[in-house]
Structure formats: structure tokens, C-alpha cells
């Protein structure tokens, strides 16, 4: 999907920037780094947002 979006729409397109941001957040949710005292709370807040963004994509 990412390759298709960047090739079709370009690196400056809004769709590419959104897809890239979702991918980065998804990877971070699997391996959150750096780990701090707020990491768990941030992860719990972010997971529903990432799921919703993936459904829209």
C-alpha cells in the first residue's frame, strides 16, 4: 500500500504523508521507544486512533 501511494501520488501528497504517519505510529505501538513514565498512557491513548486511521485507509 505504501509503495502504491508514494508512486501514484508522490512524496509531497497529503495521502502519502498520512500513510507514512500512520505507519510510523503503528510501528511505534509495537515497539515504543524511547520508554518513559508516560509511554504506557500514550500507547493506550494512541491505539484506538491508529485502529480508526487504518480502517479509513
N, C-alpha and C. Protein backbone atom coordinates (compact mmCIF):
# COMPACT_ATOMS: atom_id res chain seq x y z
N UNK A 1 0.82 -1.19 0.00
CA UNK A 1 0.00 0.00 0.00
C UNK A 1 0.86 1.26 0.00
N UNK A 2 1.87 1.28 0.86
CA UNK A 2 2.73 2.47 0.93
C UNK A 2 3.42 2.74 -0.40
N UNK A 3 3.93 1.69 -1.01
CA UNK A 3 4.61 1.86 -2.28
C UNK A 3 3.64 2.39 -3.34
N UNK A 4 2.45 1.85 -3.37
CA UNK A 4 1.44 2.29 -4.32
C UNK A 4 1.12 3.77 -4.14
N UNK A 5 0.93 4.19 -2.89
CA UNK A 5 0.58 5.58 -2.61
C UNK A 5 1.70 6.52 -3.03
N UNK A 6 2.93 6.21 -2.66
CA UNK A 6 4.03 7.12 -2.98
C UNK A 6 4.28 7.18 -4.49
N UNK A 7 4.15 6.06 -5.17
CA UNK A 7 4.36 6.08 -6.62
C UNK A 7 3.23 6.78 -7.36
N UNK A 8 2.03 6.60 -6.90
CA UNK A 8 0.88 7.20 -7.58
C UNK A 8 0.69 8.67 -7.24
N UNK A 9 0.89 9.01 -5.97
CA UNK A 9 0.55 10.35 -5.51
C UNK A 9 1.76 11.24 -5.24
N UNK A 10 2.94 10.65 -5.04
CA UNK A 10 4.14 11.43 -4.80
C UNK A 10 4.43 11.65 -3.33
N UNK A 11 5.69 11.97 -3.05
CA UNK A 11 6.15 12.13 -1.67
C UNK A 11 5.61 13.36 -0.98
N UNK A 12 5.09 14.31 -1.71
CA UNK A 12 4.58 15.54 -1.12
C UNK A 12 3.06 15.52 -0.94
N UNK A 13 2.42 14.45 -1.38
CA UNK A 13 0.95 14.40 -1.32
C UNK A 13 0.46 14.21 0.11
N UNK A 14 -0.73 14.70 0.34
CA UNK A 14 -1.36 14.57 1.66
C UNK A 14 -1.60 13.10 2.00
N UNK A 15 -2.02 12.35 1.01
CA UNK A 15 -2.29 10.91 1.25
C UNK A 15 -1.02 10.18 1.66
N UNK A 16 0.10 10.48 1.01
CA UNK A 16 1.37 9.85 1.37
C UNK A 16 1.79 10.24 2.78
N UNK A 17 1.69 11.51 3.10
CA UNK A 17 2.09 11.97 4.43
C UNK A 17 1.24 11.31 5.51
N UNK A 18 -0.05 11.14 5.25
CA UNK A 18 -0.92 10.47 6.21
C UNK A 18 -0.56 8.99 6.34
N UNK A 19 -0.34 8.32 5.22
CA UNK A 19 0.02 6.90 5.25
C UNK A 19 1.34 6.68 5.98
N UNK A 20 2.29 7.56 5.73
CA UNK A 20 3.59 7.47 6.39
C UNK A 20 3.45 7.67 7.90
N UNK A 21 2.65 8.65 8.30
CA UNK A 21 2.45 8.92 9.73
C UNK A 21 1.76 7.75 10.42
N UNK A 22 0.76 7.17 9.77
CA UNK A 22 0.08 6.00 10.35
C UNK A 22 1.06 4.85 10.51
N UNK A 23 1.89 4.62 9.50
CA UNK A 23 2.87 3.54 9.56
C UNK A 23 3.85 3.75 10.71
N UNK A 24 4.32 4.97 10.87
CA UNK A 24 5.27 5.26 11.95
C UNK A 24 4.62 5.04 13.31
N UNK A 25 3.37 5.46 13.45
CA UNK A 25 2.67 5.27 14.72
C UNK A 25 2.40 3.79 14.99
N UNK A 26 2.08 3.04 13.94
CA UNK A 26 1.83 1.61 14.09
C UNK A 26 3.10 0.89 14.54
N UNK A 27 4.21 1.19 13.92
CA UNK A 27 5.49 0.58 14.32
C UNK A 27 5.83 0.96 15.75
N UNK A 28 5.65 2.22 16.11
CA UNK A 28 5.94 2.66 17.48
C UNK A 28 5.05 1.92 18.48
N UNK A 29 3.79 1.65 18.12
CA UNK A 29 2.88 0.98 19.05
C UNK A 29 3.32 -0.45 19.34
N UNK A 30 4.06 -1.06 18.43
CA UNK A 30 4.56 -2.42 18.63
C UNK A 30 5.85 -2.41 19.45
N UNK A 31 6.67 -1.40 19.26
CA UNK A 31 7.95 -1.29 19.96
C UNK A 31 8.19 0.16 20.36
N UNK A 32 7.49 0.61 21.42
CA UNK A 32 7.58 2.03 21.80
C UNK A 32 8.94 2.41 22.36
N UNK A 33 9.58 3.33 21.66
CA UNK A 33 10.87 3.84 22.11
C UNK A 33 10.92 5.32 21.84
N UNK A 34 11.48 6.09 22.66
CA UNK A 34 12.06 5.75 23.96
C UNK A 34 10.96 5.50 24.99
N UNK A 35 11.27 4.66 25.95
CA UNK A 35 10.32 4.34 27.01
C UNK A 35 10.50 5.33 28.15
N UNK A 36 9.38 5.91 28.57
CA UNK A 36 9.40 6.86 29.68
C UNK A 36 8.22 6.54 30.59
N UNK A 37 8.05 7.32 31.60
CA UNK A 37 6.94 7.10 32.54
C UNK A 37 5.58 7.33 31.87
N UNK A 38 5.55 8.09 30.79
CA UNK A 38 4.30 8.38 30.09
C UNK A 38 4.02 7.45 28.91
N UNK A 39 4.93 6.53 28.63
CA UNK A 39 4.81 5.70 27.44
C UNK A 39 3.53 4.87 27.45
N UNK A 40 3.23 4.23 28.56
CA UNK A 40 2.04 3.37 28.63
C UNK A 40 0.77 4.18 28.38
N UNK A 41 0.66 5.33 29.02
CA UNK A 41 -0.52 6.17 28.84
C UNK A 41 -0.64 6.65 27.40
N UNK A 42 0.47 7.03 26.81
CA UNK A 42 0.46 7.48 25.42
C UNK A 42 0.06 6.34 24.49
N UNK A 43 0.58 5.16 24.76
CA UNK A 43 0.25 3.99 23.95
C UNK A 43 -1.24 3.66 24.04
N UNK A 44 -1.79 3.67 25.24
CA UNK A 44 -3.22 3.38 25.42
C UNK A 44 -4.10 4.43 24.75
N UNK A 45 -3.66 5.67 24.72
CA UNK A 45 -4.40 6.73 24.07
C UNK A 45 -4.33 6.61 22.55
N UNK A 46 -3.17 6.20 22.06
CA UNK A 46 -2.92 6.20 20.64
C UNK A 46 -3.51 4.99 19.91
N UNK A 47 -3.60 3.84 20.55
CA UNK A 47 -4.05 2.63 19.87
C UNK A 47 -5.42 2.80 19.20
N UNK A 48 -6.43 3.31 19.89
CA UNK A 48 -7.72 3.48 19.20
C UNK A 48 -7.64 4.43 18.00
N UNK A 49 -6.82 5.45 18.09
CA UNK A 49 -6.65 6.38 16.98
C UNK A 49 -6.03 5.69 15.78
N UNK A 50 -5.01 4.87 16.02
CA UNK A 50 -4.34 4.15 14.93
C UNK A 50 -5.30 3.16 14.28
N UNK A 51 -6.06 2.45 15.08
CA UNK A 51 -7.03 1.49 14.54
C UNK A 51 -8.05 2.22 13.65
N UNK A 52 -8.55 3.34 14.11
CA UNK A 52 -9.52 4.11 13.32
C UNK A 52 -8.89 4.62 12.02
N UNK A 53 -7.67 5.09 12.07
CA UNK A 53 -6.99 5.58 10.87
C UNK A 53 -6.76 4.44 9.87
N UNK A 54 -6.43 3.25 10.37
CA UNK A 54 -6.24 2.10 9.49
C UNK A 54 -7.56 1.69 8.83
N UNK A 55 -8.64 1.79 9.54
CA UNK A 55 -9.95 1.46 8.96
C UNK A 55 -10.31 2.42 7.84
N UNK A 56 -9.95 3.68 7.99
CA UNK A 56 -10.26 4.69 6.98
C UNK A 56 -9.39 4.55 5.74
N UNK A 57 -8.18 4.03 5.91
CA UNK A 57 -7.21 3.97 4.81
C UNK A 57 -7.56 2.99 3.73
